[in-house]
């Protein structure tokens, strides 16, 4: 009914539905199918998650977006094998590519290696042009 009034987002609270003996992910799926069948433009903004499995399943069920607590977001973008690969990359980079604080020039650009920042979602060598 909300979608027929022209709302932009419908927000099923997945974990809250689960807590009252419902199936929150199934509700996301049913809303998705109803929007499709009736050719409505509203999007599904799923909310109230307690674990990453709920987020994965809601996404597969048709959620267009999710709102998450920080700890669940961090768990979604973290994986032990990714973390160890990042550590290995940084170690190799520092051992093989960096000579002191200097990275050899690339295509005649004089670049100075300042610092390597490791983020949970990737490794970004921070490079600044020398003056």
N, C-alpha and C. Protein backbone atom coordinates (compact mmCIF):
# COMPACT_ATOMS: atom_id res chain seq x y z
N UNK A 1 0.82 -1.19 0.00
CA UNK A 1 0.00 0.00 0.00
C UNK A 1 0.86 1.25 0.00
N UNK A 2 1.95 1.23 0.75
CA UNK A 2 2.82 2.42 0.83
C UNK A 2 3.38 2.75 -0.55
N UNK A 3 3.75 1.74 -1.32
CA UNK A 3 4.32 1.99 -2.64
C UNK A 3 3.31 2.65 -3.57
N UNK A 4 2.05 2.32 -3.43
CA UNK A 4 1.01 2.92 -4.27
C UNK A 4 0.81 4.41 -3.97
N UNK A 5 1.23 4.85 -2.79
CA UNK A 5 1.12 6.27 -2.46
C UNK A 5 2.30 7.06 -3.01
N UNK A 6 3.29 6.35 -3.59
CA UNK A 6 4.43 7.02 -4.21
C UNK A 6 5.65 7.20 -3.33
N UNK A 7 5.72 6.47 -2.21
CA UNK A 7 6.91 6.61 -1.35
C UNK A 7 8.15 6.15 -2.11
N UNK A 8 9.29 6.75 -1.78
CA UNK A 8 10.55 6.37 -2.42
C UNK A 8 11.08 5.05 -1.86
N UNK A 9 10.95 4.85 -0.54
CA UNK A 9 11.52 3.68 0.10
C UNK A 9 10.50 2.99 1.01
N UNK A 10 10.59 1.68 1.03
CA UNK A 10 9.85 0.84 1.97
C UNK A 10 10.90 0.19 2.85
N UNK A 11 10.72 0.24 4.17
CA UNK A 11 11.76 -0.22 5.09
C UNK A 11 11.28 -1.37 5.97
N UNK A 12 11.42 -2.60 5.50
CA UNK A 12 11.13 -3.74 6.38
C UNK A 12 12.25 -3.91 7.40
N UNK A 13 11.89 -4.10 8.66
CA UNK A 13 12.84 -4.28 9.74
C UNK A 13 13.07 -5.78 9.94
N UNK A 14 14.07 -6.30 9.24
CA UNK A 14 14.30 -7.74 9.12
C UNK A 14 14.39 -8.45 10.46
N UNK A 15 15.27 -8.03 11.33
CA UNK A 15 15.45 -8.73 12.60
C UNK A 15 14.24 -8.58 13.52
N UNK A 16 13.60 -7.43 13.48
CA UNK A 16 12.40 -7.24 14.31
C UNK A 16 11.29 -8.19 13.86
N UNK A 17 11.17 -8.39 12.56
CA UNK A 17 10.17 -9.34 12.04
C UNK A 17 10.53 -10.75 12.51
N UNK A 18 11.83 -11.10 12.42
CA UNK A 18 12.27 -12.42 12.91
C UNK A 18 11.94 -12.59 14.40
N UNK A 19 12.11 -11.54 15.18
CA UNK A 19 11.89 -11.62 16.63
C UNK A 19 10.43 -11.86 17.03
N UNK A 20 9.50 -11.59 16.11
CA UNK A 20 8.09 -11.86 16.42
C UNK A 20 7.61 -13.09 15.65
N UNK A 21 8.57 -14.02 15.43
CA UNK A 21 8.30 -15.31 14.78
C UNK A 21 7.94 -15.18 13.30
N UNK A 22 8.34 -14.09 12.69
CA UNK A 22 8.15 -13.94 11.25
C UNK A 22 9.43 -14.32 10.52
N UNK A 23 9.46 -14.04 9.24
CA UNK A 23 10.64 -14.30 8.43
C UNK A 23 10.96 -13.01 7.69
N UNK A 24 11.85 -12.21 8.27
CA UNK A 24 12.17 -10.89 7.73
C UNK A 24 12.70 -10.92 6.31
N UNK A 25 13.55 -11.87 6.00
CA UNK A 25 14.10 -11.96 4.64
C UNK A 25 12.99 -12.31 3.66
N UNK A 26 12.08 -13.17 4.05
CA UNK A 26 10.97 -13.53 3.17
C UNK A 26 10.06 -12.32 2.93
N UNK A 27 9.90 -11.48 3.93
CA UNK A 27 9.12 -10.25 3.76
C UNK A 27 9.78 -9.35 2.72
N UNK A 28 11.11 -9.24 2.75
CA UNK A 28 11.83 -8.46 1.74
C UNK A 28 11.56 -9.04 0.36
N UNK A 29 11.63 -10.37 0.23
CA UNK A 29 11.37 -11.03 -1.05
C UNK A 29 9.95 -10.75 -1.53
N UNK A 30 8.97 -10.88 -0.64
CA UNK A 30 7.57 -10.66 -1.03
C UNK A 30 7.33 -9.21 -1.47
N UNK A 31 7.91 -8.27 -0.75
CA UNK A 31 7.78 -6.86 -1.15
C UNK A 31 8.40 -6.65 -2.52
N UNK A 32 9.57 -7.25 -2.74
CA UNK A 32 10.26 -7.12 -4.03
C UNK A 32 9.39 -7.64 -5.17
N UNK A 33 8.78 -8.80 -4.96
CA UNK A 33 7.92 -9.38 -6.00
C UNK A 33 6.68 -8.53 -6.23
N UNK A 34 6.07 -8.00 -5.16
CA UNK A 34 4.89 -7.14 -5.32
C UNK A 34 5.23 -5.86 -6.08
N UNK A 35 6.38 -5.28 -5.79
CA UNK A 35 6.80 -4.08 -6.53
C UNK A 35 6.98 -4.39 -8.01
N UNK A 36 7.54 -5.56 -8.28
CA UNK A 36 7.77 -5.98 -9.67
C UNK A 36 6.44 -6.24 -10.39
N UNK A 37 5.57 -7.00 -9.77
CA UNK A 37 4.29 -7.36 -10.39
C UNK A 37 3.44 -6.12 -10.69
N UNK A 38 3.43 -5.19 -9.76
CA UNK A 38 2.59 -4.00 -9.91
C UNK A 38 3.33 -2.83 -10.55
N UNK A 39 4.57 -3.09 -10.99
CA UNK A 39 5.38 -2.09 -11.69
C UNK A 39 5.46 -0.76 -10.91
N UNK A 40 5.82 -0.89 -9.64
CA UNK A 40 5.94 0.27 -8.76
C UNK A 40 7.41 0.65 -8.62
N UNK A 41 7.68 1.93 -8.44
CA UNK A 41 9.06 2.44 -8.43
C UNK A 41 9.70 2.50 -7.05
N UNK A 42 8.98 2.22 -5.99
CA UNK A 42 9.56 2.28 -4.65
C UNK A 42 10.74 1.31 -4.53
N UNK A 43 11.69 1.67 -3.71
CA UNK A 43 12.85 0.83 -3.44
C UNK A 43 12.75 0.24 -2.04
N UNK A 44 13.43 -0.87 -1.83
CA UNK A 44 13.43 -1.51 -0.52
C UNK A 44 14.70 -1.12 0.23
N UNK A 45 14.51 -0.48 1.37
CA UNK A 45 15.61 -0.13 2.27
C UNK A 45 15.47 -1.01 3.51
N UNK A 46 16.13 -2.16 3.48
CA UNK A 46 16.02 -3.10 4.60
C UNK A 46 16.81 -2.59 5.80
N UNK A 47 16.27 -2.85 6.98
CA UNK A 47 16.89 -2.35 8.22
C UNK A 47 16.81 -3.41 9.30
N UNK A 48 17.36 -3.11 10.46
CA UNK A 48 17.34 -3.96 11.65
C UNK A 48 17.99 -5.31 11.40
N UNK A 49 19.31 -5.28 11.31
CA UNK A 49 20.08 -6.52 11.11
C UNK A 49 20.91 -6.82 12.35
N UNK A 50 21.06 -8.10 12.65
CA UNK A 50 21.89 -8.52 13.78
C UNK A 50 23.10 -9.34 13.34
N UNK A 51 23.15 -9.72 12.06
CA UNK A 51 24.31 -10.48 11.58
C UNK A 51 24.44 -10.32 10.07
N UNK A 52 25.61 -10.66 9.55
CA UNK A 52 25.86 -10.46 8.12
C UNK A 52 25.07 -11.44 7.26
N UNK A 53 24.71 -12.60 7.79
CA UNK A 53 23.90 -13.55 7.02
C UNK A 53 22.55 -12.94 6.66
N UNK A 54 21.94 -12.23 7.59
CA UNK A 54 20.67 -11.55 7.29
C UNK A 54 20.86 -10.53 6.17
N UNK A 55 21.97 -9.81 6.19
CA UNK A 55 22.23 -8.80 5.15
C UNK A 55 22.39 -9.47 3.79
N UNK A 56 23.16 -10.55 3.73
CA UNK A 56 23.35 -11.28 2.46
C UNK A 56 22.02 -11.79 1.93
N UNK A 57 21.25 -12.41 2.80
CA UNK A 57 19.97 -12.99 2.37
C UNK A 57 18.98 -11.92 1.95
N UNK A 58 18.93 -10.80 2.67
CA UNK A 58 18.03 -9.71 2.29
C UNK A 58 18.43 -9.10 0.95
N UNK A 59 19.73 -8.99 0.72
CA UNK A 59 20.21 -8.47 -0.57
C UNK A 59 19.81 -9.39 -1.71
N UNK A 60 19.97 -10.69 -1.50
CA UNK A 60 19.56 -11.66 -2.53
C UNK A 60 18.05 -11.68 -2.73
N UNK A 61 17.31 -11.34 -1.68
CA UNK A 61 15.84 -11.35 -1.75
C UNK A 61 15.28 -10.11 -2.44
N UNK A 62 16.13 -9.11 -2.70
CA UNK A 62 15.66 -7.95 -3.44
C UNK A 62 15.81 -6.60 -2.77
N UNK A 63 16.47 -6.54 -1.62
CA UNK A 63 16.70 -5.23 -0.98
C UNK A 63 17.59 -4.39 -1.88
N UNK A 64 17.17 -3.16 -2.13
CA UNK A 64 17.97 -2.24 -2.95
C UNK A 64 19.06 -1.56 -2.14
N UNK A 65 18.81 -1.42 -0.84
CA UNK A 65 19.76 -0.76 0.05
C UNK A 65 19.53 -1.30 1.46
N UNK A 66 20.53 -1.09 2.31
CA UNK A 66 20.41 -1.52 3.71
C UNK A 66 20.95 -0.42 4.60
N UNK A 67 20.47 -0.40 5.82
CA UNK A 67 21.04 0.46 6.84
C UNK A 67 21.57 -0.47 7.92
N UNK A 68 22.84 -0.24 8.31
CA UNK A 68 23.54 -1.21 9.16
C UNK A 68 24.23 -0.56 10.35
N UNK A 69 24.33 -1.30 11.45
CA UNK A 69 25.21 -0.86 12.53
C UNK A 69 26.67 -0.99 12.07
N UNK A 70 27.54 -0.19 12.63
CA UNK A 70 28.95 -0.17 12.23
C UNK A 70 29.61 -1.54 12.34
N UNK A 71 29.35 -2.30 13.41
CA UNK A 71 30.02 -3.59 13.57
C UNK A 71 29.65 -4.57 12.45
N UNK A 72 28.42 -4.54 12.00
CA UNK A 72 28.03 -5.43 10.90
C UNK A 72 28.67 -4.97 9.59
N UNK A 73 28.74 -3.66 9.37
CA UNK A 73 29.40 -3.15 8.16
C UNK A 73 30.87 -3.56 8.14
N UNK A 74 31.54 -3.45 9.28
CA UNK A 74 32.95 -3.85 9.34
C UNK A 74 33.11 -5.34 9.06
N UNK A 75 32.19 -6.16 9.57
CA UNK A 75 32.26 -7.60 9.30
C UNK A 75 31.99 -7.92 7.83
N UNK A 76 31.18 -7.12 7.17
CA UNK A 76 30.90 -7.35 5.75
C UNK A 76 32.13 -7.09 4.88
N UNK A 77 32.94 -6.13 5.27
CA UNK A 77 34.09 -5.77 4.44
C UNK A 77 35.39 -6.37 4.93
N UNK A 78 35.30 -7.25 5.89
CA UNK A 78 36.49 -7.88 6.44
C UNK A 78 36.43 -9.38 6.21
N UNK A 79 37.58 -9.95 5.91
CA UNK A 79 37.67 -11.40 5.76
C UNK A 79 39.10 -11.79 6.14
N UNK A 80 39.28 -12.85 6.91
CA UNK A 80 40.64 -13.21 7.36
C UNK A 80 41.63 -13.39 6.20
N UNK A 81 41.21 -13.97 5.10
CA UNK A 81 42.14 -14.16 3.98
C UNK A 81 42.47 -12.83 3.31
N UNK A 82 41.51 -11.92 3.25
CA UNK A 82 41.79 -10.60 2.70
C UNK A 82 42.77 -9.86 3.60
N UNK A 83 42.52 -9.92 4.90
CA UNK A 83 43.41 -9.24 5.84
C UNK A 83 44.84 -9.77 5.75
N UNK A 84 45.01 -11.10 5.67
CA UNK A 84 46.36 -11.65 5.57
C UNK A 84 46.99 -11.30 4.22
N UNK A 85 46.19 -11.23 3.16
CA UNK A 85 46.72 -10.84 1.84
C UNK A 85 47.18 -9.39 1.85
N UNK A 86 46.44 -8.54 2.53
CA UNK A 86 46.83 -7.13 2.65
C UNK A 86 48.16 -7.03 3.40
N UNK A 87 48.28 -7.75 4.51
CA UNK A 87 49.53 -7.74 5.28
C UNK A 87 50.70 -8.20 4.42
N UNK A 88 50.51 -9.25 3.64
CA UNK A 88 51.57 -9.78 2.75
C UNK A 88 51.92 -8.74 1.69
N UNK A 89 50.91 -8.10 1.09
CA UNK A 89 51.17 -7.09 0.07
C UNK A 89 51.99 -5.94 0.64
N UNK A 90 51.60 -5.45 1.82
CA UNK A 90 52.32 -4.34 2.44
C UNK A 90 53.76 -4.75 2.73
N UNK A 91 53.95 -5.95 3.24
CA UNK A 91 55.30 -6.45 3.53
C UNK A 91 56.13 -6.51 2.25
N UNK A 92 55.57 -7.09 1.19
CA UNK A 92 56.28 -7.18 -0.09
C UNK A 92 56.57 -5.79 -0.65
N UNK A 93 55.58 -4.89 -0.56
CA UNK A 93 55.77 -3.53 -1.06
C UNK A 93 56.94 -2.86 -0.34
N UNK A 94 56.96 -2.96 0.97
CA UNK A 94 58.02 -2.31 1.74
C UNK A 94 59.37 -2.95 1.49
N UNK A 95 59.39 -4.27 1.26
CA UNK A 95 60.65 -4.97 1.06
C UNK A 95 61.21 -4.75 -0.35
N UNK A 96 60.35 -4.77 -1.36
CA UNK A 96 60.83 -4.77 -2.75
C UNK A 96 60.69 -3.44 -3.47
N UNK A 97 59.74 -2.60 -3.07
CA UNK A 97 59.49 -1.38 -3.84
C UNK A 97 60.04 -0.12 -3.19
N UNK A 98 60.22 -0.14 -1.89
CA UNK A 98 60.61 1.08 -1.19
C UNK A 98 62.08 1.01 -0.81
N UNK A 99 62.81 2.02 -1.17
CA UNK A 99 64.21 2.13 -0.79
C UNK A 99 64.30 3.34 0.15
N UNK A 100 64.33 3.10 1.45
CA UNK A 100 64.25 4.21 2.39
C UNK A 100 62.85 4.80 2.31
N UNK A 101 62.77 6.08 1.98
CA UNK A 101 61.48 6.73 1.78
C UNK A 101 61.25 7.09 0.32
N UNK A 102 61.93 6.41 -0.58
CA UNK A 102 61.90 6.81 -1.98
C UNK A 102 61.40 5.68 -2.86
N UNK A 103 60.49 6.01 -3.77
CA UNK A 103 60.05 5.09 -4.81
C UNK A 103 60.66 5.59 -6.11
N UNK A 104 61.31 4.70 -6.88
CA UNK A 104 61.91 5.15 -8.15
C UNK A 104 60.88 5.86 -9.03
N UNK A 105 61.29 6.90 -9.78
CA UNK A 105 60.37 7.66 -10.64
C UNK A 105 59.68 6.76 -11.65
N UNK A 106 58.41 7.04 -11.90
CA UNK A 106 57.65 6.34 -12.92
C UNK A 106 57.47 7.28 -14.10
N UNK A 107 57.99 6.88 -15.27
CA UNK A 107 57.86 7.69 -16.48
C UNK A 107 58.26 9.15 -16.24
N UNK A 108 59.42 9.34 -15.71
CA UNK A 108 60.04 10.63 -15.45
C UNK A 108 59.30 11.51 -14.44
N UNK A 109 58.35 10.95 -13.71
CA UNK A 109 57.72 11.72 -12.65
C UNK A 109 58.49 11.47 -11.36
N UNK A 110 58.88 12.52 -10.68
CA UNK A 110 59.61 12.37 -9.44
C UNK A 110 58.61 12.21 -8.30
N UNK A 111 58.45 10.97 -7.81
CA UNK A 111 57.48 10.68 -6.78
C UNK A 111 58.19 10.29 -5.49
N UNK A 112 57.66 10.73 -4.36
CA UNK A 112 58.22 10.38 -3.07
C UNK A 112 57.21 9.56 -2.29
N UNK A 113 57.67 8.45 -1.76
CA UNK A 113 56.83 7.57 -0.97
C UNK A 113 56.75 8.14 0.43
N UNK A 114 55.54 8.44 0.89
CA UNK A 114 55.37 9.02 2.22
C UNK A 114 54.96 7.97 3.24
N UNK A 115 53.96 7.18 2.93
CA UNK A 115 53.40 6.29 3.92
C UNK A 115 52.47 5.31 3.21
N UNK A 116 52.33 4.12 3.74
CA UNK A 116 51.34 3.19 3.22
C UNK A 116 50.22 3.10 4.23
N UNK A 117 49.02 3.40 3.79
CA UNK A 117 47.86 3.32 4.67
C UNK A 117 47.11 2.04 4.35
N UNK A 118 46.84 1.26 5.36
CA UNK A 118 46.10 0.02 5.18
C UNK A 118 44.69 0.24 5.69
N UNK A 119 43.73 0.10 4.80
CA UNK A 119 42.32 0.19 5.16
C UNK A 119 41.76 -1.21 5.14
N UNK A 120 40.68 -1.43 5.81
CA UNK A 120 40.06 -2.75 5.81
C UNK A 120 39.63 -3.17 4.41
N UNK A 121 39.37 -2.21 3.52
CA UNK A 121 38.87 -2.57 2.21
C UNK A 121 39.95 -2.51 1.13
N UNK A 122 41.19 -2.25 1.48
CA UNK A 122 42.24 -2.25 0.47
C UNK A 122 43.52 -1.61 0.97
N UNK A 123 44.53 -1.63 0.13
CA UNK A 123 45.82 -1.03 0.44
C UNK A 123 46.04 0.11 -0.52
N UNK A 124 46.36 1.28 0.02
CA UNK A 124 46.56 2.46 -0.80
C UNK A 124 47.90 3.09 -0.49
N UNK A 125 48.91 2.88 -1.33
CA UNK A 125 50.16 3.60 -1.10
C UNK A 125 49.91 5.10 -1.32
N UNK A 126 50.31 5.91 -0.36
CA UNK A 126 50.12 7.34 -0.48
C UNK A 126 51.38 7.93 -1.11
N UNK A 127 51.24 8.49 -2.28
CA UNK A 127 52.38 9.00 -3.03
C UNK A 127 52.16 10.49 -3.29
N UNK A 128 53.20 11.29 -3.06
CA UNK A 128 53.12 12.74 -3.27
C UNK A 128 54.21 13.16 -4.26
N UNK A 129 53.89 14.10 -5.11
CA UNK A 129 54.89 14.64 -6.03
C UNK A 129 55.89 15.50 -5.23
N UNK A 130 57.16 15.38 -5.59
CA UNK A 130 58.15 16.25 -4.93
C UNK A 130 58.07 17.63 -5.57
N UNK A 131 58.51 18.61 -4.83
CA UNK A 131 58.44 19.98 -5.34
C UNK A 131 59.68 20.36 -6.06
